[in-house]
Amino acid sequence: MINFVKTLQEKDIVCSNVDFMEKKFSVLEAKDLVYCDSLYLITTGSYNDGKRGFKDWMEVEEIQLLRLLDRLNGLKFPIIQYISTLQYLSF
């Protein structure tokens, strides 16, 4: 973990915590990476019910995110999606 933190500190990394619909992706360059830590559509966690400071995460938001990622024009993006309670996909 210490080596990981040191590596992060040596690189030009900018982290932001913003709703993907508010992020200005047009300022990103080909070398940039967009990491999407979205809520999981098939789970019932208290964080995705819209009542604890988080926005609801429903099928509409899921589709909006996936469409936005399709339009990133070559930018790299990892995203983790649960497809069942026993499996997940990482793209």
PDB file of N, CA and C in Angstrom:
ATOM      1  N   MET A   1       0.821  -1.186   0.000  1.00  0.00           N
ATOM      2  CA  MET A   1       0.000   0.000   0.000  1.00  0.00           C
ATOM      3  C   MET A   1       0.869   1.255   0.000  1.00  0.00           C
ATOM      4  N   ILE A   2       1.952   1.203   0.739  1.00  0.00           N
ATOM      5  CA  ILE A   2       2.851   2.366   0.791  1.00  0.00           C
ATOM      6  C   ILE A   2       3.420   2.652  -0.593  1.00  0.00           C
ATOM      7  N   ASN A   3       3.847   1.611  -1.308  1.00  0.00           N
ATOM      8  CA  ASN A   3       4.359   1.810  -2.669  1.00  0.00           C
ATOM      9  C   ASN A   3       3.289   2.365  -3.601  1.00  0.00           C
ATOM     10  N   PHE A   4       2.078   1.903  -3.436  1.00  0.00           N
ATOM     11  CA  PHE A   4       0.973   2.399  -4.255  1.00  0.00           C
ATOM     12  C   PHE A   4       0.769   3.898  -4.027  1.00  0.00           C
ATOM     13  N   VAL A   5       0.747   4.319  -2.780  1.00  0.00           N
ATOM     14  CA  VAL A   5       0.557   5.737  -2.455  1.00  0.00           C
ATOM     15  C   VAL A   5       1.722   6.565  -2.989  1.00  0.00           C
ATOM     16  N   LYS A   6       2.934   6.069  -2.858  1.00  0.00           N
ATOM     17  CA  LYS A   6       4.104   6.785  -3.393  1.00  0.00           C
ATOM     18  C   LYS A   6       3.989   6.957  -4.902  1.00  0.00           C
ATOM     19  N   THR A   7       3.559   5.911  -5.588  1.00  0.00           N
ATOM     20  CA  THR A   7       3.392   5.987  -7.043  1.00  0.00           C
ATOM     21  C   THR A   7       2.342   7.027  -7.405  1.00  0.00           C
ATOM     22  N   LEU A   8       1.246   7.050  -6.682  1.00  0.00           N
ATOM     23  CA  LEU A   8       0.208   8.055  -6.937  1.00  0.00           C
ATOM     24  C   LEU A   8       0.746   9.465  -6.753  1.00  0.00           C
ATOM     25  N   GLN A   9       1.561   9.655  -5.736  1.00  0.00           N
ATOM     26  CA  GLN A   9       2.107  10.979  -5.457  1.00  0.00           C
ATOM     27  C   GLN A   9       3.104  11.432  -6.514  1.00  0.00           C
ATOM     28  N   GLU A  10       3.746  10.503  -7.194  1.00  0.00           N
ATOM     29  CA  GLU A  10       4.737  10.832  -8.218  1.00  0.00           C
ATOM     30  C   GLU A  10       4.098  11.174  -9.561  1.00  0.00           C
ATOM     31  N   LYS A  11       2.852  10.847  -9.735  1.00  0.00           N
ATOM     32  CA  LYS A  11       2.184  11.044 -11.020  1.00  0.00           C
ATOM     33  C   LYS A  11       1.283  12.270 -10.981  1.00  0.00           C
ATOM     34  N   ASP A  12       0.968  12.769 -12.145  1.00  0.00           N
ATOM     35  CA  ASP A  12       0.070  13.913 -12.272  1.00  0.00           C
ATOM     36  C   ASP A  12      -1.364  13.390 -12.320  1.00  0.00           C
ATOM     37  N   ILE A  13      -1.945  13.171 -11.140  1.00  0.00           N
ATOM     38  CA  ILE A  13      -3.270  12.579 -11.033  1.00  0.00           C
ATOM     39  C   ILE A  13      -4.238  13.591 -10.446  1.00  0.00           C
ATOM     40  N   VAL A  14      -5.367  13.731 -11.085  1.00  0.00           N
ATOM     41  CA  VAL A  14      -6.419  14.596 -10.578  1.00  0.00           C
ATOM     42  C   VAL A  14      -7.644  13.732 -10.319  1.00  0.00           C
ATOM     43  N   CYS A  15      -8.115  13.746  -9.097  1.00  0.00           N
ATOM     44  CA  CYS A  15      -9.317  12.997  -8.735  1.00  0.00           C
ATOM     45  C   CYS A  15     -10.448  13.981  -8.507  1.00  0.00           C
ATOM     46  N   SER A  16     -11.622  13.591  -8.939  1.00  0.00           N
ATOM     47  CA  SER A  16     -12.783  14.432  -8.681  1.00  0.00           C
ATOM     48  C   SER A  16     -13.951  13.558  -8.273  1.00  0.00           C
ATOM     49  N   ASN A  17     -14.794  14.114  -7.462  1.00  0.00           N
ATOM     50  CA  ASN A  17     -15.979  13.424  -7.001  1.00  0.00           C
ATOM     51  C   ASN A  17     -17.166  14.240  -7.479  1.00  0.00           C
ATOM     52  N   VAL A  18     -17.622  13.920  -8.667  1.00  0.00           N
ATOM     53  CA  VAL A  18     -18.678  14.724  -9.289  1.00  0.00           C
ATOM     54  C   VAL A  18     -19.627  13.813 -10.051  1.00  0.00           C
ATOM     55  N   ASP A  19     -20.860  14.218 -10.103  1.00  0.00           N
ATOM     56  CA  ASP A  19     -21.862  13.496 -10.883  1.00  0.00           C
ATOM     57  C   ASP A  19     -21.396  13.468 -12.343  1.00  0.00           C
ATOM     58  N   PHE A  20     -21.441  12.314 -12.959  1.00  0.00           N
ATOM     59  CA  PHE A  20     -20.945  12.183 -14.334  1.00  0.00           C
ATOM     60  C   PHE A  20     -21.685  13.094 -15.305  1.00  0.00           C
ATOM     61  N   MET A  21     -22.905  13.475 -14.977  1.00  0.00           N
ATOM     62  CA  MET A  21     -23.669  14.360 -15.856  1.00  0.00           C
ATOM     63  C   MET A  21     -23.184  15.811 -15.751  1.00  0.00           C
ATOM     64  N   GLU A  22     -22.419  16.126 -14.716  1.00  0.00           N
ATOM     65  CA  GLU A  22     -21.906  17.480 -14.515  1.00  0.00           C
ATOM     66  C   GLU A  22     -20.446  17.629 -14.931  1.00  0.00           C
ATOM     67  N   LYS A  23     -19.758  16.529 -15.137  1.00  0.00           N
ATOM     68  CA  LYS A  23     -18.335  16.551 -15.487  1.00  0.00           C
ATOM     69  C   LYS A  23     -18.134  17.047 -16.907  1.00  0.00           C
ATOM     70  N   LYS A  24     -17.133  17.902 -17.107  1.00  0.00           N
ATOM     71  CA  LYS A  24     -16.798  18.410 -18.441  1.00  0.00           C
ATOM     72  C   LYS A  24     -15.722  17.504 -19.050  1.00  0.00           C
ATOM     73  N   PHE A  25     -16.141  16.517 -19.790  1.00  0.00           N
ATOM     74  CA  PHE A  25     -15.216  15.556 -20.387  1.00  0.00           C
ATOM     75  C   PHE A  25     -14.470  16.142 -21.582  1.00  0.00           C
ATOM     76  N   SER A  26     -14.954  17.241 -22.117  1.00  0.00           N
ATOM     77  CA  SER A  26     -14.319  17.834 -23.298  1.00  0.00           C
ATOM     78  C   SER A  26     -12.913  18.348 -23.005  1.00  0.00           C
ATOM     79  N   VAL A  27     -12.570  18.565 -21.752  1.00  0.00           N
ATOM     80  CA  VAL A  27     -11.235  19.064 -21.413  1.00  0.00           C
ATOM     81  C   VAL A  27     -10.212  17.939 -21.288  1.00  0.00           C
ATOM     82  N   LEU A  28     -10.649  16.700 -21.364  1.00  0.00           N
ATOM     83  CA  LEU A  28      -9.741  15.569 -21.218  1.00  0.00           C
ATOM     84  C   LEU A  28      -8.973  15.302 -22.501  1.00  0.00           C
ATOM     85  N   GLU A  29      -7.808  14.695 -22.341  1.00  0.00           N
ATOM     86  CA  GLU A  29      -6.943  14.373 -23.474  1.00  0.00           C
ATOM     87  C   GLU A  29      -6.824  12.863 -23.632  1.00  0.00           C
ATOM     88  N   ALA A  30      -6.248  12.430 -24.727  1.00  0.00           N
ATOM     89  CA  ALA A  30      -6.132  11.005 -25.036  1.00  0.00           C
ATOM     90  C   ALA A  30      -5.377  10.228 -23.956  1.00  0.00           C
ATOM     91  N   LYS A  31      -4.468  10.874 -23.246  1.00  0.00           N
ATOM     92  CA  LYS A  31      -3.679  10.208 -22.203  1.00  0.00           C
ATOM     93  C   LYS A  31      -4.464  10.027 -20.902  1.00  0.00           C
ATOM     94  N   ASP A  32      -5.611  10.671 -20.792  1.00  0.00           N
ATOM     95  CA  ASP A  32      -6.388  10.645 -19.555  1.00  0.00           C
ATOM     96  C   ASP A  32      -7.188   9.356 -19.407  1.00  0.00           C
ATOM     97  N   LEU A  33      -7.482   9.044 -18.166  1.00  0.00           N
ATOM     98  CA  LEU A  33      -8.257   7.862 -17.825  1.00  0.00           C
ATOM     99  C   LEU A  33      -9.469   8.322 -17.020  1.00  0.00           C
ATOM    100  N   VAL A  34     -10.630   7.820 -17.369  1.00  0.00           N
ATOM    101  CA  VAL A  34     -11.861   8.143 -16.646  1.00  0.00           C
ATOM    102  C   VAL A  34     -12.275   6.897 -15.881  1.00  0.00           C
ATOM    103  N   TYR A  35     -12.253   6.979 -14.540  1.00  0.00           N
ATOM    104  CA  TYR A  35     -12.676   5.853 -13.722  1.00  0.00           C
ATOM    105  C   TYR A  35     -14.082   6.122 -13.209  1.00  0.00           C
ATOM    106  N   CYS A  36     -14.984   5.225 -13.481  1.00  0.00           N
ATOM    107  CA  CYS A  36     -16.378   5.393 -13.082  1.00  0.00           C
ATOM    108  C   CYS A  36     -16.713   4.391 -11.991  1.00  0.00           C
ATOM    109  N   ASP A  37     -16.971   4.910 -10.821  1.00  0.00           N
ATOM    110  CA  ASP A  37     -17.348   4.057  -9.696  1.00  0.00           C
ATOM    111  C   ASP A  37     -18.839   4.257  -9.460  1.00  0.00           C
ATOM    112  N   SER A  38     -19.614   3.746 -10.380  1.00  0.00           N
ATOM    113  CA  SER A  38     -21.062   3.949 -10.303  1.00  0.00           C
ATOM    114  C   SER A  38     -21.700   3.014  -9.293  1.00  0.00           C
ATOM    115  N   LEU A  39     -22.903   3.338  -8.921  1.00  0.00           N
ATOM    116  CA  LEU A  39     -23.675   2.460  -8.059  1.00  0.00           C
ATOM    117  C   LEU A  39     -24.090   1.243  -8.872  1.00  0.00           C
ATOM    118  N   TYR A  40     -24.488   0.196  -8.189  1.00  0.00           N
ATOM    119  CA  TYR A  40     -24.835  -1.038  -8.885  1.00  0.00           C
ATOM    120  C   TYR A  40     -26.339  -1.153  -9.031  1.00  0.00           C
ATOM    121  N   LEU A  41     -26.776  -1.251 -10.256  1.00  0.00           N
ATOM    122  CA  LEU A  41     -28.194  -1.258 -10.577  1.00  0.00           C
ATOM    123  C   LEU A  41     -28.937  -2.407  -9.913  1.00  0.00           C
ATOM    124  N   ILE A  42     -28.313  -3.569  -9.805  1.00  0.00           N
ATOM    125  CA  ILE A  42     -29.052  -4.742  -9.304  1.00  0.00           C
ATOM    126  C   ILE A  42     -28.973  -4.912  -7.796  1.00  0.00           C
ATOM    127  N   THR A  43     -28.302  -3.995  -7.094  1.00  0.00           N
ATOM    128  CA  THR A  43     -28.205  -4.130  -5.640  1.00  0.00           C
ATOM    129  C   THR A  43     -29.247  -3.267  -4.950  1.00  0.00           C
ATOM    130  N   THR A  44     -29.438  -3.521  -3.691  1.00  0.00           N
ATOM    131  CA  THR A  44     -30.397  -2.741  -2.909  1.00  0.00           C
ATOM    132  C   THR A  44     -29.693  -2.053  -1.746  1.00  0.00           C
ATOM    133  N   GLY A  45     -28.480  -1.612  -1.970  1.00  0.00           N
ATOM    134  CA  GLY A  45     -27.735  -0.930  -0.925  1.00  0.00           C
ATOM    135  C   GLY A  45     -28.409   0.375  -0.525  1.00  0.00           C
ATOM    136  N   SER A  46     -28.230   0.750   0.727  1.00  0.00           N
ATOM    137  CA  SER A  46     -28.854   1.981   1.212  1.00  0.00           C
ATOM    138  C   SER A  46     -28.322   3.213   0.485  1.00  0.00           C
ATOM    139  N   TYR A  47     -27.144   3.110  -0.118  1.00  0.00           N
ATOM    140  CA  TYR A  47     -26.560   4.247  -0.814  1.00  0.00           C
ATOM    141  C   TYR A  47     -27.198   4.518  -2.172  1.00  0.00           C
ATOM    142  N   ASN A  48     -27.987   3.623  -2.710  1.00  0.00           N
ATOM    143  CA  ASN A  48     -28.572   3.899  -4.029  1.00  0.00           C
ATOM    144  C   ASN A  48     -30.093   4.032  -3.979  1.00  0.00           C
ATOM    145  N   ASP A  49     -30.608   4.441  -2.824  1.00  0.00           N
ATOM    146  CA  ASP A  49     -32.051   4.660  -2.758  1.00  0.00           C
ATOM    147  C   ASP A  49     -32.417   6.139  -2.821  1.00  0.00           C
ATOM    148  N   GLY A  50     -31.416   7.010  -2.944  1.00  0.00           N
ATOM    149  CA  GLY A  50     -31.671   8.436  -3.092  1.00  0.00           C
ATOM    150  C   GLY A  50     -32.005   9.156  -1.797  1.00  0.00           C
ATOM    151  N   LYS A  51     -31.839   8.513  -0.653  1.00  0.00           N
ATOM    152  CA  LYS A  51     -32.254   9.116   0.614  1.00  0.00           C
ATOM    153  C   LYS A  51     -31.105   9.471   1.548  1.00  0.00           C
ATOM    154  N   ARG A  52     -29.878   9.222   1.174  1.00  0.00           N
ATOM    155  CA  ARG A  52     -28.758   9.439   2.087  1.00  0.00           C
ATOM    156  C   ARG A  52     -27.668  10.314   1.473  1.00  0.00           C
ATOM    157  N   GLY A  53     -28.081  11.323   0.749  1.00  0.00           N
ATOM    158  CA  GLY A  53     -27.116  12.227   0.140  1.00  0.00           C
ATOM    159  C   GLY A  53     -26.645  11.792  -1.234  1.00  0.00           C
ATOM    160  N   PHE A  54     -27.090  10.637  -1.693  1.00  0.00           N
ATOM    161  CA  PHE A  54     -26.747  10.149  -3.014  1.00  0.00           C
ATOM    162  C   PHE A  54     -27.972  10.263  -3.919  1.00  0.00           C
ATOM    163  N   LYS A  55     -27.727  10.408  -5.184  1.00  0.00           N
ATOM    164  CA  LYS A  55     -28.800  10.415  -6.164  1.00  0.00           C
ATOM    165  C   LYS A  55     -29.294   8.979  -6.374  1.00  0.00           C
ATOM    166  N   ASP A  56     -30.576   8.834  -6.650  1.00  0.00           N
ATOM    167  CA  ASP A  56     -31.080   7.499  -7.022  1.00  0.00           C
ATOM    168  C   ASP A  56     -30.252   6.942  -8.166  1.00  0.00           C
ATOM    169  N   TRP A  57     -30.068   5.632  -8.197  1.00  0.00           N
ATOM    170  CA  TRP A  57     -29.400   4.979  -9.332  1.00  0.00           C
ATOM    171  C   TRP A  57     -30.362   3.960  -9.890  1.00  0.00           C
ATOM    172  N   MET A  58     -30.976   4.345 -10.992  1.00  0.00           N
ATOM    173  CA  MET A  58     -31.975   3.494 -11.627  1.00  0.00           C
ATOM    174  C   MET A  58     -31.500   3.182 -13.045  1.00  0.00           C
ATOM    175  N   GLU A  59     -32.315   2.483 -13.804  1.00  0.00           N
ATOM    176  CA  GLU A  59     -31.955   2.115 -15.169  1.00  0.00           C
ATOM    177  C   GLU A  59     -31.669   3.345 -16.036  1.00  0.00           C
ATOM    178  N   VAL A  60     -32.385   4.425 -15.814  1.00  0.00           N
ATOM    179  CA  VAL A  60     -32.170   5.660 -16.587  1.00  0.00           C
ATOM    180  C   VAL A  60     -30.734   6.156 -16.413  1.00  0.00           C
ATOM    181  N   GLU A  61     -30.253   6.230 -15.168  1.00  0.00           N
ATOM    182  CA  GLU A  61     -28.887   6.694 -14.909  1.00  0.00           C
ATOM    183  C   GLU A  61     -27.854   5.730 -15.479  1.00  0.00           C
ATOM    184  N   GLU A  62     -28.139   4.452 -15.380  1.00  0.00           N
ATOM    185  CA  GLU A  62     -27.228   3.438 -15.935  1.00  0.00           C
ATOM    186  C   GLU A  62     -27.056   3.636 -17.446  1.00  0.00           C
ATOM    187  N   ILE A  63     -28.154   3.813 -18.139  1.00  0.00           N
ATOM    188  CA  ILE A  63     -28.121   4.012 -19.590  1.00  0.00           C
ATOM    189  C   ILE A  63     -27.428   5.321 -19.929  1.00  0.00           C
ATOM    190  N   GLN A  64     -27.690   6.378 -19.173  1.00  0.00           N
ATOM    191  CA  GLN A  64     -27.022   7.662 -19.419  1.00  0.00           C
ATOM    192  C   GLN A  64     -25.509   7.522 -19.285  1.00  0.00           C
ATOM    193  N   LEU A  65     -25.057   6.822 -18.251  1.00  0.00           N
ATOM    194  CA  LEU A  65     -23.620   6.633 -18.061  1.00  0.00           C
ATOM    195  C   LEU A  65     -23.014   5.838 -19.213  1.00  0.00           C
ATOM    196  N   LEU A  66     -23.631   4.743 -19.573  1.00  0.00           N
ATOM    197  CA  LEU A  66     -23.089   3.912 -20.656  1.00  0.00           C
ATOM    198  C   LEU A  66     -23.055   4.673 -21.982  1.00  0.00           C
ATOM    199  N   ARG A  67     -24.058   5.475 -22.257  1.00  0.00           N
ATOM    200  CA  ARG A  67     -24.060   6.293 -23.484  1.00  0.00           C
ATOM    201  C   ARG A  67     -22.962   7.336 -23.448  1.00  0.00           C
ATOM    202  N   LEU A  68     -22.759   7.939 -22.297  1.00  0.00           N
ATOM    203  CA  LEU A  68     -21.693   8.921 -22.170  1.00  0.00           C
ATOM    204  C   LEU A  68     -20.333   8.270 -22.412  1.00  0.00           C
ATOM    205  N   LEU A  69     -20.114   7.105 -21.831  1.00  0.00           N
ATOM    206  CA  LEU A  69     -18.842   6.403 -22.024  1.00  0.00           C
ATOM    207  C   LEU A  69     -18.622   6.041 -23.485  1.00  0.00           C
ATOM    208  N   ASP A  70     -19.682   5.710 -24.192  1.00  0.00           N
ATOM    209  CA  ASP A  70     -19.581   5.433 -25.630  1.00  0.00           C
ATOM    210  C   ASP A  70     -19.094   6.643 -26.409  1.00  0.00           C
ATOM    211  N   ARG A  71     -19.350   7.833 -25.893  1.00  0.00           N
ATOM    212  CA  ARG A  71     -18.984   9.066 -26.602  1.00  0.00           C
ATOM    213  C   ARG A  71     -17.642   9.644 -26.166  1.00  0.00           C
ATOM    214  N   LEU A  72     -16.854   8.930 -25.402  1.00  0.00           N
ATOM    215  CA  LEU A  72     -15.590   9.471 -24.913  1.00  0.00           C
ATOM    216  C   LEU A  72     -14.490   9.516 -25.976  1.00  0.00           C
ATOM    217  N   ASN A  73     -14.777   9.070 -27.164  1.00  0.00           N
ATOM    218  CA  ASN A  73     -13.854   9.215 -28.299  1.00  0.00           C
ATOM    219  C   ASN A  73     -12.435   8.742 -28.019  1.00  0.00           C
ATOM    220  N   GLY A  74     -12.317   7.487 -27.625  1.00  0.00           N
ATOM    221  CA  GLY A  74     -10.994   6.894 -27.467  1.00  0.00           C
ATOM    222  C   GLY A  74     -10.390   7.008 -26.085  1.00  0.00           C
ATOM    223  N   LEU A  75     -10.985   7.763 -25.187  1.00  0.00           N
ATOM    224  CA  LEU A  75     -10.457   7.823 -23.823  1.00  0.00           C
ATOM    225  C   LEU A  75     -10.645   6.468 -23.155  1.00  0.00           C
ATOM    226  N   LYS A  76      -9.704   6.129 -22.313  1.00  0.00           N
ATOM    227  CA  LYS A  76      -9.785   4.852 -21.598  1.00  0.00           C
ATOM    228  C   LYS A  76     -10.659   5.032 -20.364  1.00  0.00           C
ATOM    229  N   PHE A  77     -11.453   4.013 -20.065  1.00  0.00           N
ATOM    230  CA  PHE A  77     -12.272   4.061 -18.862  1.00  0.00           C
ATOM    231  C   PHE A  77     -12.499   2.660 -18.309  1.00  0.00           C
ATOM    232  N   PRO A  78     -12.119   2.426 -17.069  1.00  0.00           N
ATOM    233  CA  PRO A  78     -12.522   1.187 -16.396  1.00  0.00           C
ATOM    234  C   PRO A  78     -13.869   1.428 -15.715  1.00  0.00           C
ATOM    235  N   ILE A  79     -14.680   0.416 -15.692  1.00  0.00           N
ATOM    236  CA  ILE A  79     -15.954   0.480 -14.983  1.00  0.00           C
ATOM    237  C   ILE A  79     -16.270  -0.920 -14.480  1.00  0.00           C
ATOM    238  N   ILE A  80     -16.798  -0.999 -13.289  1.00  0.00           N
ATOM    239  CA  ILE A  80     -17.167  -2.293 -12.711  1.00  0.00           C
ATOM    240  C   ILE A  80     -18.685  -2.354 -12.631  1.00  0.00           C
ATOM    241  N   GLN A  81     -19.234  -3.432 -13.123  1.00  0.00           N
ATOM    242  CA  GLN A  81     -20.682  -3.616 -13.126  1.00  0.00           C
ATOM    243  C   GLN A  81     -21.015  -4.998 -12.585  1.00  0.00           C
ATOM    244  N   TYR A  82     -21.890  -5.064 -11.609  1.00  0.00           N
ATOM    245  CA  TYR A  82     -22.366  -6.355 -11.122  1.00  0.00           C
ATOM    246  C   TYR A  82     -23.434  -6.877 -12.071  1.00  0.00           C
ATOM    247  N   ILE A  83     -23.306  -8.144 -12.450  1.00  0.00           N
ATOM    248  CA  ILE A  83     -24.321  -8.759 -13.315  1.00  0.00           C
ATOM    249  C   ILE A  83     -25.154  -9.774 -12.553  1.00  0.00           C
ATOM    250  N   SER A  84     -24.694 -10.136 -11.378  1.00  0.00           N
ATOM    251  CA  SER A  84     -25.471 -10.982 -10.466  1.00  0.00           C
ATOM    252  C   SER A  84     -24.846 -10.815  -9.095  1.00  0.00           C
ATOM    253  N   THR A  85     -25.442 -11.414  -8.112  1.00  0.00           N
ATOM    254  CA  THR A  85     -24.866 -11.296  -6.773  1.00  0.00           C
ATOM    255  C   THR A  85     -23.570 -12.087  -6.638  1.00  0.00           C
ATOM    256  N   LEU A  86     -23.270 -12.932  -7.606  1.00  0.00           N
ATOM    257  CA  LEU A  86     -22.068 -13.761  -7.531  1.00  0.00           C
ATOM    258  C   LEU A  86     -21.002 -13.370  -8.540  1.00  0.00           C
ATOM    259  N   GLN A  87     -21.341 -12.508  -9.504  1.00  0.00           N
ATOM    260  CA  GLN A  87     -20.391 -12.154 -10.553  1.00  0.00           C
ATOM    261  C   GLN A  87     -20.372 -10.650 -10.770  1.00  0.00           C
ATOM    262  N   TYR A  88     -19.268 -10.169 -11.312  1.00  0.00           N
ATOM    263  CA  TYR A  88     -19.230  -8.798 -11.754  1.00  0.00           C
ATOM    264  C   TYR A  88     -18.385  -8.745 -13.008  1.00  0.00           C
ATOM    265  N   LEU A  89     -18.620  -7.726 -13.802  1.00  0.00           N
ATOM    266  CA  LEU A  89     -17.849  -7.487 -15.022  1.00  0.00           C
ATOM    267  C   LEU A  89     -16.990  -6.271 -14.836  1.00  0.00           C
ATOM    268  N   SER A  90     -15.782  -6.314 -15.319  1.00  0.00           N
ATOM    269  CA  SER A  90     -14.923  -5.155 -15.321  1.00  0.00           C
ATOM    270  C   SER A  90     -14.528  -4.889 -16.768  1.00  0.00           C
ATOM    271  N   PHE A  91     -14.902  -3.761 -17.270  1.00  0.00           N
ATOM    272  CA  PHE A  91     -14.638  -3.413 -18.671  1.00  0.00           C
ATOM    273  C   PHE A  91     -13.438  -2.491 -18.758  1.00  0.00           C
TER     274      PHE A  91
END
